[in-house]
Amino acid sequence: MDYFAHETAVIDDNCQIGKGTKIWHFSHVMSKCKIGENCNLGQNVVVSPSVVLGNNVKVQNNVSIYAGVTCEDDVFLGPSMVFTNVRNPRSAIVRKNKYLKTIVKKGASIGANATIICGNNIGEFAFIGAGSVVTKPVLPYALIVGNPAQQIGWVSEYGHTLNFDEDGFGTCKESKEVYGFKDGAVFKFKTQ
């Protein structure tokens, strides 16, 4: 094994788990899921069948990642955040063939106790604030808060709020990388 699993973790057959990944206490990794390299799954995490996690995904305690969810590289899932996979669940009606897919794109962060309603993709480097309830797709670099969640700004790849000048330029206060804002979208200027 090229990964670490705590003795209380349950790892089902037919899982792919990448080198350097850590799976902590009382977590359950179910069959047919794919977990990349250098991921960290905290205590009491469930990864359902066919879920895909990219490299360097950080999953905090008490998160269930249900079938239909894909997280790309460098995604952060905060403590006790929630994914759904059926829009209108009923105990007496089986809807396993109606799971909606949700993709969390590279570098996105989802805060503690946030809820992502299935079928709403999260854009690259978006930041979902703690306790938010996401009911619609989220743009790349968007800063989202509230219930229902609303966009209140934009963030850099380092997670800092971006303020754009009259020419549509903004600078991350930590990385000093420059971003542009045009036609309702944010993009990062390539560095040399």
N, C-alpha and C. Protein backbone atom coordinates (compact mmCIF):
# COMPACT_ATOMS: atom_id res chain seq x y z
N MET A 1 0.84 -1.20 0.00
CA MET A 1 0.00 0.00 0.00
C MET A 1 0.87 1.25 0.00
N ASP A 2 0.57 2.15 -0.91
CA ASP A 2 1.28 3.43 -0.98
C ASP A 2 0.52 4.53 -0.25
N TYR A 3 -0.55 4.18 0.47
CA TYR A 3 -1.34 5.17 1.20
C TYR A 3 -1.48 4.69 2.64
N PHE A 4 -1.94 5.60 3.52
CA PHE A 4 -2.16 5.27 4.92
C PHE A 4 -3.65 5.20 5.19
N ALA A 5 -4.09 4.16 5.89
CA ALA A 5 -5.47 4.07 6.36
C ALA A 5 -5.43 3.69 7.83
N HIS A 6 -6.08 4.48 8.68
CA HIS A 6 -6.16 4.17 10.10
C HIS A 6 -6.84 2.82 10.28
N GLU A 7 -6.49 2.12 11.33
CA GLU A 7 -7.01 0.77 11.56
C GLU A 7 -8.53 0.71 11.67
N THR A 8 -9.19 1.83 11.99
CA THR A 8 -10.65 1.85 12.09
C THR A 8 -11.32 2.19 10.76
N ALA A 9 -10.54 2.57 9.76
CA ALA A 9 -11.11 2.90 8.45
C ALA A 9 -11.52 1.62 7.73
N VAL A 10 -12.58 1.71 6.94
CA VAL A 10 -13.05 0.59 6.13
C VAL A 10 -12.80 0.93 4.67
N ILE A 11 -12.01 0.09 4.01
CA ILE A 11 -11.70 0.30 2.60
C ILE A 11 -12.27 -0.89 1.82
N ASP A 12 -13.30 -0.67 1.01
CA ASP A 12 -13.91 -1.75 0.23
C ASP A 12 -13.01 -2.16 -0.93
N ASP A 13 -13.33 -3.31 -1.52
CA ASP A 13 -12.59 -3.79 -2.69
C ASP A 13 -12.86 -2.87 -3.89
N ASN A 14 -11.98 -2.97 -4.87
CA ASN A 14 -12.12 -2.25 -6.15
C ASN A 14 -12.09 -0.73 -5.99
N CYS A 15 -11.24 -0.24 -5.10
CA CYS A 15 -11.01 1.21 -4.96
C CYS A 15 -9.64 1.52 -5.53
N GLN A 16 -9.48 2.69 -6.09
CA GLN A 16 -8.16 3.18 -6.47
C GLN A 16 -7.81 4.30 -5.49
N ILE A 17 -6.70 4.14 -4.79
CA ILE A 17 -6.27 5.14 -3.82
C ILE A 17 -4.82 5.48 -4.11
N GLY A 18 -4.56 6.77 -4.33
CA GLY A 18 -3.25 7.23 -4.77
C GLY A 18 -2.19 7.27 -3.67
N LYS A 19 -0.98 7.31 -4.12
CA LYS A 19 0.19 7.36 -3.25
C LYS A 19 0.15 8.59 -2.35
N GLY A 20 0.49 8.38 -1.07
CA GLY A 20 0.58 9.48 -0.12
C GLY A 20 -0.74 9.92 0.47
N THR A 21 -1.84 9.30 0.07
CA THR A 21 -3.14 9.66 0.62
C THR A 21 -3.27 9.12 2.04
N LYS A 22 -3.99 9.88 2.90
CA LYS A 22 -4.22 9.48 4.29
C LYS A 22 -5.72 9.41 4.54
N ILE A 23 -6.15 8.30 5.16
CA ILE A 23 -7.56 8.08 5.47
C ILE A 23 -7.65 7.82 6.96
N TRP A 24 -8.37 8.69 7.66
CA TRP A 24 -8.33 8.68 9.12
C TRP A 24 -9.48 7.92 9.76
N HIS A 25 -9.63 8.04 11.07
CA HIS A 25 -10.51 7.25 11.93
C HIS A 25 -11.95 7.16 11.41
N PHE A 26 -12.48 5.95 11.44
CA PHE A 26 -13.90 5.67 11.21
C PHE A 26 -14.40 6.12 9.83
N SER A 27 -13.51 6.25 8.87
CA SER A 27 -13.92 6.63 7.52
C SER A 27 -14.21 5.38 6.70
N HIS A 28 -15.04 5.53 5.67
CA HIS A 28 -15.43 4.41 4.81
C HIS A 28 -15.26 4.82 3.36
N VAL A 29 -14.39 4.09 2.67
CA VAL A 29 -14.16 4.30 1.24
C VAL A 29 -14.81 3.13 0.52
N MET A 30 -15.81 3.42 -0.30
CA MET A 30 -16.63 2.38 -0.92
C MET A 30 -16.09 1.99 -2.30
N SER A 31 -16.57 0.87 -2.80
CA SER A 31 -16.05 0.28 -4.04
C SER A 31 -16.21 1.21 -5.24
N LYS A 32 -15.32 1.03 -6.18
CA LYS A 32 -15.33 1.72 -7.48
C LYS A 32 -15.04 3.21 -7.41
N CYS A 33 -14.62 3.72 -6.26
CA CYS A 33 -14.25 5.13 -6.20
C CYS A 33 -12.77 5.28 -6.57
N LYS A 34 -12.41 6.48 -6.98
CA LYS A 34 -11.03 6.79 -7.34
C LYS A 34 -10.57 7.98 -6.53
N ILE A 35 -9.53 7.79 -5.75
CA ILE A 35 -8.97 8.85 -4.92
C ILE A 35 -7.53 9.08 -5.37
N GLY A 36 -7.19 10.32 -5.66
CA GLY A 36 -5.87 10.65 -6.19
C GLY A 36 -4.76 10.59 -5.15
N GLU A 37 -3.62 11.12 -5.54
CA GLU A 37 -2.45 11.15 -4.68
C GLU A 37 -2.52 12.30 -3.68
N ASN A 38 -1.89 12.08 -2.50
CA ASN A 38 -1.72 13.10 -1.47
C ASN A 38 -3.03 13.74 -1.01
N CYS A 39 -4.09 12.95 -0.99
CA CYS A 39 -5.36 13.42 -0.44
C CYS A 39 -5.35 13.19 1.07
N ASN A 40 -6.21 13.89 1.77
CA ASN A 40 -6.37 13.70 3.21
C ASN A 40 -7.86 13.62 3.53
N LEU A 41 -8.31 12.45 4.00
CA LEU A 41 -9.69 12.25 4.39
C LEU A 41 -9.74 12.18 5.90
N GLY A 42 -10.40 13.16 6.51
CA GLY A 42 -10.45 13.25 7.96
C GLY A 42 -11.30 12.16 8.59
N GLN A 43 -11.62 12.36 9.85
CA GLN A 43 -12.39 11.39 10.61
C GLN A 43 -13.84 11.35 10.16
N ASN A 44 -14.42 10.13 10.09
CA ASN A 44 -15.84 9.94 9.80
C ASN A 44 -16.23 10.47 8.41
N VAL A 45 -15.40 10.19 7.42
CA VAL A 45 -15.67 10.58 6.03
C VAL A 45 -16.19 9.35 5.29
N VAL A 46 -17.20 9.56 4.44
CA VAL A 46 -17.71 8.49 3.58
C VAL A 46 -17.49 8.91 2.13
N VAL A 47 -16.85 8.03 1.36
CA VAL A 47 -16.68 8.24 -0.07
C VAL A 47 -17.48 7.14 -0.76
N SER A 48 -18.58 7.53 -1.41
CA SER A 48 -19.52 6.57 -1.99
C SER A 48 -19.00 5.97 -3.30
N PRO A 49 -19.65 4.89 -3.75
CA PRO A 49 -19.20 4.25 -4.99
C PRO A 49 -19.14 5.22 -6.17
N SER A 50 -18.11 5.05 -6.97
CA SER A 50 -17.91 5.79 -8.22
C SER A 50 -17.57 7.26 -8.04
N VAL A 51 -17.38 7.73 -6.82
CA VAL A 51 -16.91 9.11 -6.59
C VAL A 51 -15.48 9.22 -7.10
N VAL A 52 -15.13 10.38 -7.63
CA VAL A 52 -13.76 10.64 -8.10
C VAL A 52 -13.21 11.84 -7.35
N LEU A 53 -12.06 11.66 -6.71
CA LEU A 53 -11.32 12.76 -6.07
C LEU A 53 -9.98 12.87 -6.76
N GLY A 54 -9.61 14.08 -7.18
CA GLY A 54 -8.33 14.31 -7.82
C GLY A 54 -7.19 14.26 -6.82
N ASN A 55 -6.06 14.81 -7.20
CA ASN A 55 -4.89 14.87 -6.32
C ASN A 55 -5.01 16.02 -5.33
N ASN A 56 -4.45 15.81 -4.13
CA ASN A 56 -4.35 16.85 -3.11
C ASN A 56 -5.70 17.40 -2.67
N VAL A 57 -6.70 16.54 -2.62
CA VAL A 57 -8.03 16.94 -2.13
C VAL A 57 -8.03 16.78 -0.61
N LYS A 58 -8.48 17.81 0.08
CA LYS A 58 -8.56 17.80 1.54
C LYS A 58 -10.02 17.70 1.95
N VAL A 59 -10.37 16.61 2.64
CA VAL A 59 -11.73 16.38 3.10
C VAL A 59 -11.71 16.40 4.62
N GLN A 60 -12.34 17.38 5.21
CA GLN A 60 -12.35 17.51 6.67
C GLN A 60 -13.35 16.53 7.30
N ASN A 61 -13.40 16.51 8.62
CA ASN A 61 -14.22 15.54 9.36
C ASN A 61 -15.70 15.62 9.01
N ASN A 62 -16.35 14.46 9.05
CA ASN A 62 -17.81 14.33 8.94
C ASN A 62 -18.39 14.74 7.59
N VAL A 63 -17.66 14.45 6.51
CA VAL A 63 -18.15 14.77 5.17
C VAL A 63 -18.52 13.47 4.46
N SER A 64 -19.71 13.45 3.84
CA SER A 64 -20.13 12.34 2.99
C SER A 64 -20.12 12.82 1.55
N ILE A 65 -19.36 12.11 0.72
CA ILE A 65 -19.26 12.46 -0.70
C ILE A 65 -20.04 11.39 -1.45
N TYR A 66 -21.20 11.77 -1.96
CA TYR A 66 -22.14 10.80 -2.52
C TYR A 66 -21.87 10.53 -3.99
N ALA A 67 -22.39 9.38 -4.46
CA ALA A 67 -22.27 8.99 -5.87
C ALA A 67 -22.74 10.14 -6.75
N GLY A 68 -21.99 10.39 -7.80
CA GLY A 68 -22.29 11.49 -8.71
C GLY A 68 -21.39 12.69 -8.52
N VAL A 69 -20.58 12.70 -7.45
CA VAL A 69 -19.70 13.84 -7.17
C VAL A 69 -18.29 13.56 -7.70
N THR A 70 -17.73 14.56 -8.36
CA THR A 70 -16.33 14.55 -8.78
C THR A 70 -15.68 15.81 -8.24
N CYS A 71 -14.55 15.65 -7.56
CA CYS A 71 -13.75 16.79 -7.10
C CYS A 71 -12.43 16.75 -7.83
N GLU A 72 -12.10 17.82 -8.52
CA GLU A 72 -10.83 17.88 -9.23
C GLU A 72 -9.69 18.15 -8.25
N ASP A 73 -8.48 18.32 -8.76
CA ASP A 73 -7.29 18.54 -7.93
C ASP A 73 -7.45 19.75 -7.02
N ASP A 74 -6.83 19.65 -5.83
CA ASP A 74 -6.68 20.78 -4.90
C ASP A 74 -7.99 21.33 -4.34
N VAL A 75 -9.02 20.51 -4.30
CA VAL A 75 -10.31 20.92 -3.73
C VAL A 75 -10.24 20.78 -2.20
N PHE A 76 -10.89 21.73 -1.50
CA PHE A 76 -11.00 21.69 -0.04
C PHE A 76 -12.47 21.55 0.32
N LEU A 77 -12.79 20.51 1.11
CA LEU A 77 -14.14 20.29 1.60
C LEU A 77 -14.13 20.46 3.11
N GLY A 78 -14.76 21.52 3.62
CA GLY A 78 -14.72 21.87 5.03
C GLY A 78 -15.52 20.93 5.90
N PRO A 79 -15.30 21.01 7.22
CA PRO A 79 -15.95 20.11 8.16
C PRO A 79 -17.47 20.10 8.03
N SER A 80 -18.02 18.91 7.96
CA SER A 80 -19.48 18.68 7.98
C SER A 80 -20.21 19.33 6.81
N MET A 81 -19.50 19.68 5.73
CA MET A 81 -20.23 20.17 4.55
C MET A 81 -20.98 18.99 3.94
N VAL A 82 -21.99 19.30 3.10
CA VAL A 82 -22.90 18.27 2.61
C VAL A 82 -23.08 18.36 1.10
N PHE A 83 -23.01 17.20 0.45
CA PHE A 83 -23.45 17.07 -0.94
C PHE A 83 -24.79 16.35 -0.94
N THR A 84 -25.63 16.63 -1.93
CA THR A 84 -26.82 15.81 -2.17
C THR A 84 -26.66 15.17 -3.54
N ASN A 85 -27.49 14.16 -3.85
CA ASN A 85 -27.42 13.60 -5.20
C ASN A 85 -28.80 13.34 -5.82
N VAL A 86 -29.86 13.65 -5.08
CA VAL A 86 -31.22 13.56 -5.60
C VAL A 86 -31.94 14.85 -5.22
N ARG A 87 -32.66 15.45 -6.17
CA ARG A 87 -33.34 16.73 -5.89
C ARG A 87 -34.60 16.57 -5.06
N ASN A 88 -35.29 15.44 -5.22
CA ASN A 88 -36.56 15.26 -4.51
C ASN A 88 -36.59 13.88 -3.84
N PRO A 89 -35.76 13.68 -2.82
CA PRO A 89 -35.67 12.36 -2.19
C PRO A 89 -36.93 11.99 -1.42
N ARG A 90 -37.26 10.70 -1.50
CA ARG A 90 -38.34 10.12 -0.71
C ARG A 90 -37.86 8.75 -0.25
N SER A 91 -38.10 8.42 0.99
CA SER A 91 -37.66 7.15 1.53
C SER A 91 -38.28 5.96 0.80
N ALA A 92 -39.55 6.06 0.43
CA ALA A 92 -40.26 4.94 -0.18
C ALA A 92 -40.08 4.84 -1.69
N ILE A 93 -39.39 5.80 -2.30
CA ILE A 93 -39.21 5.79 -3.75
C ILE A 93 -37.72 5.72 -4.06
N VAL A 94 -37.32 4.68 -4.79
CA VAL A 94 -35.91 4.48 -5.13
C VAL A 94 -35.59 5.32 -6.37
N ARG A 95 -34.58 6.18 -6.24
CA ARG A 95 -34.20 7.05 -7.35
C ARG A 95 -32.70 6.95 -7.64
N LYS A 96 -32.12 5.78 -7.39
CA LYS A 96 -30.68 5.62 -7.62
C LYS A 96 -30.28 5.84 -9.07
N ASN A 97 -31.19 5.66 -9.99
CA ASN A 97 -30.88 5.90 -11.40
C ASN A 97 -31.10 7.35 -11.80
N LYS A 98 -31.41 8.20 -10.82
CA LYS A 98 -31.65 9.63 -11.11
C LYS A 98 -30.67 10.54 -10.39
N TYR A 99 -29.54 9.98 -9.93
CA TYR A 99 -28.53 10.81 -9.28
C TYR A 99 -28.05 11.89 -10.25
N LEU A 100 -27.98 13.10 -9.77
CA LEU A 100 -27.46 14.20 -10.58
C LEU A 100 -25.97 14.36 -10.29
N LYS A 101 -25.21 14.68 -11.30
CA LYS A 101 -23.77 14.84 -11.15
C LYS A 101 -23.44 16.25 -10.67
N THR A 102 -22.41 16.32 -9.84
CA THR A 102 -21.89 17.59 -9.35
C THR A 102 -20.38 17.55 -9.52
N ILE A 103 -19.82 18.57 -10.17
CA ILE A 103 -18.38 18.66 -10.35
C ILE A 103 -17.86 19.86 -9.57
N VAL A 104 -16.88 19.62 -8.71
CA VAL A 104 -16.19 20.70 -8.00
C VAL A 104 -14.85 20.86 -8.70
N LYS A 105 -14.67 21.98 -9.36
CA LYS A 105 -13.50 22.19 -10.21
C LYS A 105 -12.24 22.50 -9.39
N LYS A 106 -11.13 22.43 -10.06
CA LYS A 106 -9.80 22.58 -9.47
C LYS A 106 -9.71 23.78 -8.54
N GLY A 107 -9.16 23.55 -7.34
CA GLY A 107 -8.83 24.62 -6.42
C GLY A 107 -9.98 25.23 -5.66
N ALA A 108 -11.21 24.75 -5.87
CA ALA A 108 -12.37 25.33 -5.17
C ALA A 108 -12.34 24.94 -3.69
N SER A 109 -12.90 25.81 -2.84
CA SER A 109 -13.03 25.55 -1.41
C SER A 109 -14.50 25.66 -1.01
N ILE A 110 -14.95 24.68 -0.21
CA ILE A 110 -16.32 24.69 0.30
C ILE A 110 -16.22 24.71 1.82
N GLY A 111 -16.78 25.74 2.45
CA GLY A 111 -16.64 25.95 3.88
C GLY A 111 -17.45 24.99 4.74
N ALA A 112 -17.17 25.01 6.03
CA ALA A 112 -17.83 24.15 7.01
C ALA A 112 -19.34 24.31 6.95
N ASN A 113 -20.03 23.19 7.03
CA ASN A 113 -21.49 23.14 7.10
C ASN A 113 -22.21 23.69 5.87
N ALA A 114 -21.51 23.91 4.77
CA ALA A 114 -22.17 24.33 3.54
C ALA A 114 -22.90 23.13 2.94
N THR A 115 -23.93 23.41 2.14
CA THR A 115 -24.67 22.37 1.43
C THR A 115 -24.64 22.67 -0.05
N ILE A 116 -24.30 21.66 -0.84
CA ILE A 116 -24.28 21.79 -2.30
C ILE A 116 -25.42 20.93 -2.84
N ILE A 117 -26.45 21.59 -3.37
CA ILE A 117 -27.56 20.86 -3.98
C ILE A 117 -27.08 20.27 -5.30
N CYS A 118 -27.37 19.00 -5.51
CA CYS A 118 -26.82 18.26 -6.65
C CYS A 118 -27.15 18.92 -7.99
N GLY A 119 -26.25 18.70 -8.95
CA GLY A 119 -26.42 19.24 -10.28
C GLY A 119 -25.86 20.64 -10.47
N ASN A 120 -25.32 21.22 -9.41
CA ASN A 120 -24.76 22.57 -9.47
C ASN A 120 -23.24 22.49 -9.38
N ASN A 121 -22.58 22.71 -10.51
CA ASN A 121 -21.13 22.63 -10.54
C ASN A 121 -20.51 23.86 -9.88
N ILE A 122 -19.33 23.64 -9.30
CA ILE A 122 -18.60 24.71 -8.61
C ILE A 122 -17.36 25.01 -9.46
N GLY A 123 -17.21 26.27 -9.89
CA GLY A 123 -16.12 26.66 -10.79
C GLY A 123 -14.75 26.66 -10.13
N GLU A 124 -13.73 26.70 -10.97
CA GLU A 124 -12.35 26.72 -10.52
C GLU A 124 -12.11 27.83 -9.50
N PHE A 125 -11.46 27.49 -8.41
CA PHE A 125 -11.01 28.42 -7.37
C PHE A 125 -12.15 29.22 -6.72
N ALA A 126 -13.38 28.77 -6.91
CA ALA A 126 -14.51 29.42 -6.22
C ALA A 126 -14.37 29.19 -4.72
N PHE A 127 -15.00 30.05 -3.93
CA PHE A 127 -14.94 29.97 -2.48
C PHE A 127 -16.36 30.03 -1.94
N ILE A 128 -16.82 28.91 -1.36
CA ILE A 128 -18.16 28.83 -0.79
C ILE A 128 -18.05 29.03 0.72
N GLY A 129 -18.64 30.09 1.25
CA GLY A 129 -18.54 30.41 2.66
C GLY A 129 -19.23 29.39 3.55
N ALA A 130 -18.79 29.30 4.79
CA ALA A 130 -19.36 28.38 5.77
C ALA A 130 -20.86 28.57 5.89
N GLY A 131 -21.60 27.47 5.92
CA GLY A 131 -23.04 27.50 6.11
C GLY A 131 -23.86 27.86 4.89
N SER A 132 -23.22 28.11 3.77
CA SER A 132 -23.95 28.48 2.56
C SER A 132 -24.74 27.30 2.00
N VAL A 133 -25.85 27.59 1.34
CA VAL A 133 -26.64 26.57 0.66
C VAL A 133 -26.65 26.92 -0.82
N VAL A 134 -25.89 26.14 -1.60
CA VAL A 134 -25.71 26.43 -3.03
C VAL A 134 -26.83 25.76 -3.82
N THR A 135 -27.64 26.59 -4.50
CA THR A 135 -28.80 26.11 -5.25
C THR A 135 -28.67 26.36 -6.75
N LYS A 136 -27.53 26.91 -7.18
CA LYS A 136 -27.31 27.15 -8.61
C LYS A 136 -25.82 27.05 -8.90
N PRO A 137 -25.43 26.90 -10.18
CA PRO A 137 -24.01 26.78 -10.52
C PRO A 137 -23.21 27.99 -10.05
N VAL A 138 -21.93 27.74 -9.75
CA VAL A 138 -21.03 28.78 -9.22
C VAL A 138 -19.92 29.04 -10.24
N LEU A 139 -19.70 30.32 -10.54
CA LEU A 139 -18.67 30.71 -11.51
C LEU A 139 -17.26 30.53 -10.95
N PRO A 140 -16.27 30.35 -11.83
CA PRO A 140 -14.88 30.33 -11.37
C PRO A 140 -14.54 31.61 -10.62
N TYR A 141 -13.77 31.49 -9.55
CA TYR A 141 -13.28 32.59 -8.71
C TYR A 141 -14.38 33.32 -7.93
N ALA A 142 -15.61 32.82 -7.96
CA ALA A 142 -16.71 33.49 -7.27
C ALA A 142 -16.63 33.28 -5.76
N LEU A 143 -17.02 34.31 -5.01
CA LEU A 143 -17.15 34.25 -3.56
C LEU A 143 -18.64 34.18 -3.26
N ILE A 144 -19.05 33.08 -2.61
CA ILE A 144 -20.47 32.76 -2.42
C ILE A 144 -20.76 32.63 -0.93
N VAL A 145 -21.85 33.26 -0.46
CA VAL A 145 -22.27 33.11 0.94
C VAL A 145 -23.79 33.14 1.03
N GLY A 146 -24.31 32.60 2.15
CA GLY A 146 -25.72 32.76 2.49
C GLY A 146 -26.61 31.57 2.18
N ASN A 147 -27.90 31.75 2.54
CA ASN A 147 -28.91 30.73 2.32
C ASN A 147 -30.19 31.41 1.83
N PRO A 148 -30.53 31.26 0.54
CA PRO A 148 -29.74 30.59 -0.48
C PRO A 148 -28.48 31.38 -0.80
N ALA A 149 -27.47 30.67 -1.26
CA ALA A 149 -26.17 31.30 -1.50
C ALA A 149 -26.25 32.32 -2.63
N GLN A 150 -25.54 33.44 -2.42
CA GLN A 150 -25.45 34.50 -3.42
C GLN A 150 -23.99 34.88 -3.61
N GLN A 151 -23.66 35.31 -4.79
CA GLN A 151 -22.29 35.77 -5.03
C GLN A 151 -22.14 37.19 -4.50
N ILE A 152 -21.08 37.39 -3.69
CA ILE A 152 -20.84 38.73 -3.14
C ILE A 152 -19.50 39.31 -3.60
N GLY A 153 -18.77 38.58 -4.42
CA GLY A 153 -17.48 39.08 -4.89
C GLY A 153 -16.71 38.01 -5.61
N TRP A 154 -15.40 38.29 -5.71
CA TRP A 154 -14.47 37.40 -6.42
C TRP A 154 -13.25 37.17 -5.54
N VAL A 155 -12.61 36.01 -5.71
CA VAL A 155 -11.41 35.69 -4.95
C VAL A 155 -10.28 35.24 -5.87
N SER A 156 -9.07 35.40 -5.36
CA SER A 156 -7.88 34.93 -6.07
C SER A 156 -7.69 33.44 -5.83
N GLU A 157 -6.71 32.86 -6.49
CA GLU A 157 -6.38 31.45 -6.27
C GLU A 157 -5.86 31.21 -4.86
N TYR A 158 -5.44 32.25 -4.17
CA TYR A 158 -4.99 32.15 -2.78
C TYR A 158 -6.14 32.38 -1.81
N GLY A 159 -7.35 32.66 -2.33
CA GLY A 159 -8.53 32.81 -1.48
C GLY A 159 -8.74 34.20 -0.93
N HIS A 160 -8.09 35.21 -1.49
CA HIS A 160 -8.27 36.59 -1.03
C HIS A 160 -9.25 37.33 -1.94
N THR A 161 -10.04 38.23 -1.34
CA THR A 161 -10.99 39.03 -2.11
C THR A 161 -10.25 39.88 -3.13
N LEU A 162 -10.79 39.91 -4.33
CA LEU A 162 -10.23 40.73 -5.40
C LEU A 162 -11.06 41.99 -5.58
N ASN A 163 -10.40 43.12 -5.63
CA ASN A 163 -11.04 44.40 -5.92
C ASN A 163 -10.52 44.88 -7.26
N PHE A 164 -11.42 45.10 -8.20
CA PHE A 164 -11.03 45.47 -9.55
C PHE A 164 -11.12 46.98 -9.75
N ASP A 165 -10.10 47.53 -10.40
CA ASP A 165 -10.10 48.97 -10.69
C ASP A 165 -10.97 49.25 -11.91
N GLU A 166 -11.05 50.52 -12.31
CA GLU A 166 -11.90 50.92 -13.43
C GLU A 166 -11.50 50.29 -14.75
N ASP A 167 -10.25 49.81 -14.83
CA ASP A 167 -9.79 49.14 -16.05
C ASP A 167 -9.99 47.63 -16.00
N GLY A 168 -10.54 47.13 -14.89
CA GLY A 168 -10.82 45.70 -14.78
C GLY A 168 -9.65 44.86 -14.30
N PHE A 169 -8.70 45.48 -13.57
CA PHE A 169 -7.55 44.74 -13.05
C PHE A 169 -7.62 44.67 -11.52
N GLY A 170 -7.25 43.52 -10.98
CA GLY A 170 -7.19 43.32 -9.54
C GLY A 170 -5.97 42.48 -9.20
N THR A 171 -5.41 42.70 -8.01
CA THR A 171 -4.19 42.01 -7.60
C THR A 171 -4.43 41.27 -6.29
N CYS A 172 -3.97 40.02 -6.24
CA CYS A 172 -4.05 39.24 -5.00
C CYS A 172 -3.05 39.82 -4.01
N LYS A 173 -3.50 40.11 -2.80
CA LYS A 173 -2.62 40.74 -1.82
C LYS A 173 -1.53 39.81 -1.32
N GLU A 174 -1.69 38.51 -1.47
CA GLU A 174 -0.66 37.58 -1.00
C GLU A 174 0.30 37.16 -2.12
N SER A 175 -0.24 36.71 -3.24
CA SER A 175 0.61 36.21 -4.33
C SER A 175 1.11 37.31 -5.25
N LYS A 176 0.43 38.45 -5.23
CA LYS A 176 0.70 39.58 -6.14
C LYS A 176 0.36 39.25 -7.60
N GLU A 177 -0.33 38.13 -7.82
CA GLU A 177 -0.76 37.79 -9.17
C GLU A 177 -1.88 38.75 -9.59
N VAL A 178 -1.91 39.05 -10.89
CA VAL A 178 -2.87 40.01 -11.43
C VAL A 178 -4.01 39.26 -12.13
N TYR A 179 -5.23 39.72 -11.87
CA TYR A 179 -6.44 39.15 -12.44
C TYR A 179 -7.17 40.21 -13.25
N GLY A 180 -7.93 39.74 -14.21
CA GLY A 180 -8.76 40.63 -15.01
C GLY A 180 -10.23 40.29 -14.84
N PHE A 181 -11.07 41.30 -15.03
CA PHE A 181 -12.51 41.11 -14.98
C PHE A 181 -13.09 41.66 -16.27
N LYS A 182 -13.74 40.78 -17.04
CA LYS A 182 -14.32 41.20 -18.31
C LYS A 182 -15.52 40.33 -18.63
N ASP A 183 -16.59 40.97 -19.08
CA ASP A 183 -17.81 40.27 -19.49
C ASP A 183 -18.34 39.34 -18.39
N GLY A 184 -18.27 39.81 -17.15
CA GLY A 184 -18.82 39.05 -16.03
C GLY A 184 -18.01 37.85 -15.59
N ALA A 185 -16.75 37.78 -16.02
CA ALA A 185 -15.90 36.64 -15.65
C ALA A 185 -14.52 37.13 -15.21
N VAL A 186 -13.88 36.34 -14.36
CA VAL A 186 -12.54 36.64 -13.86
C VAL A 186 -11.55 35.68 -14.50
N PHE A 187 -10.38 36.19 -14.82
CA PHE A 187 -9.30 35.36 -15.35
C PHE A 187 -7.99 35.84 -14.78
N LYS A 188 -7.04 34.93 -14.66
CA LYS A 188 -5.71 35.26 -14.15
C LYS A 188 -4.79 35.47 -15.33
N PHE A 189 -4.00 36.56 -15.25
CA PHE A 189 -3.00 36.80 -16.28
C PHE A 189 -1.86 35.80 -16.11
N LYS A 190 -1.39 35.29 -17.20
CA LYS A 190 -0.28 34.33 -17.18
C LYS A 190 0.99 35.05 -16.76
N THR A 191 1.76 34.39 -15.89
CA THR A 191 3.06 34.93 -15.50
C THR A 191 4.14 34.29 -16.35
N GLN A 192 5.27 34.98 -16.48
CA GLN A 192 6.31 34.49 -17.37
C GLN A 192 7.32 33.64 -16.66
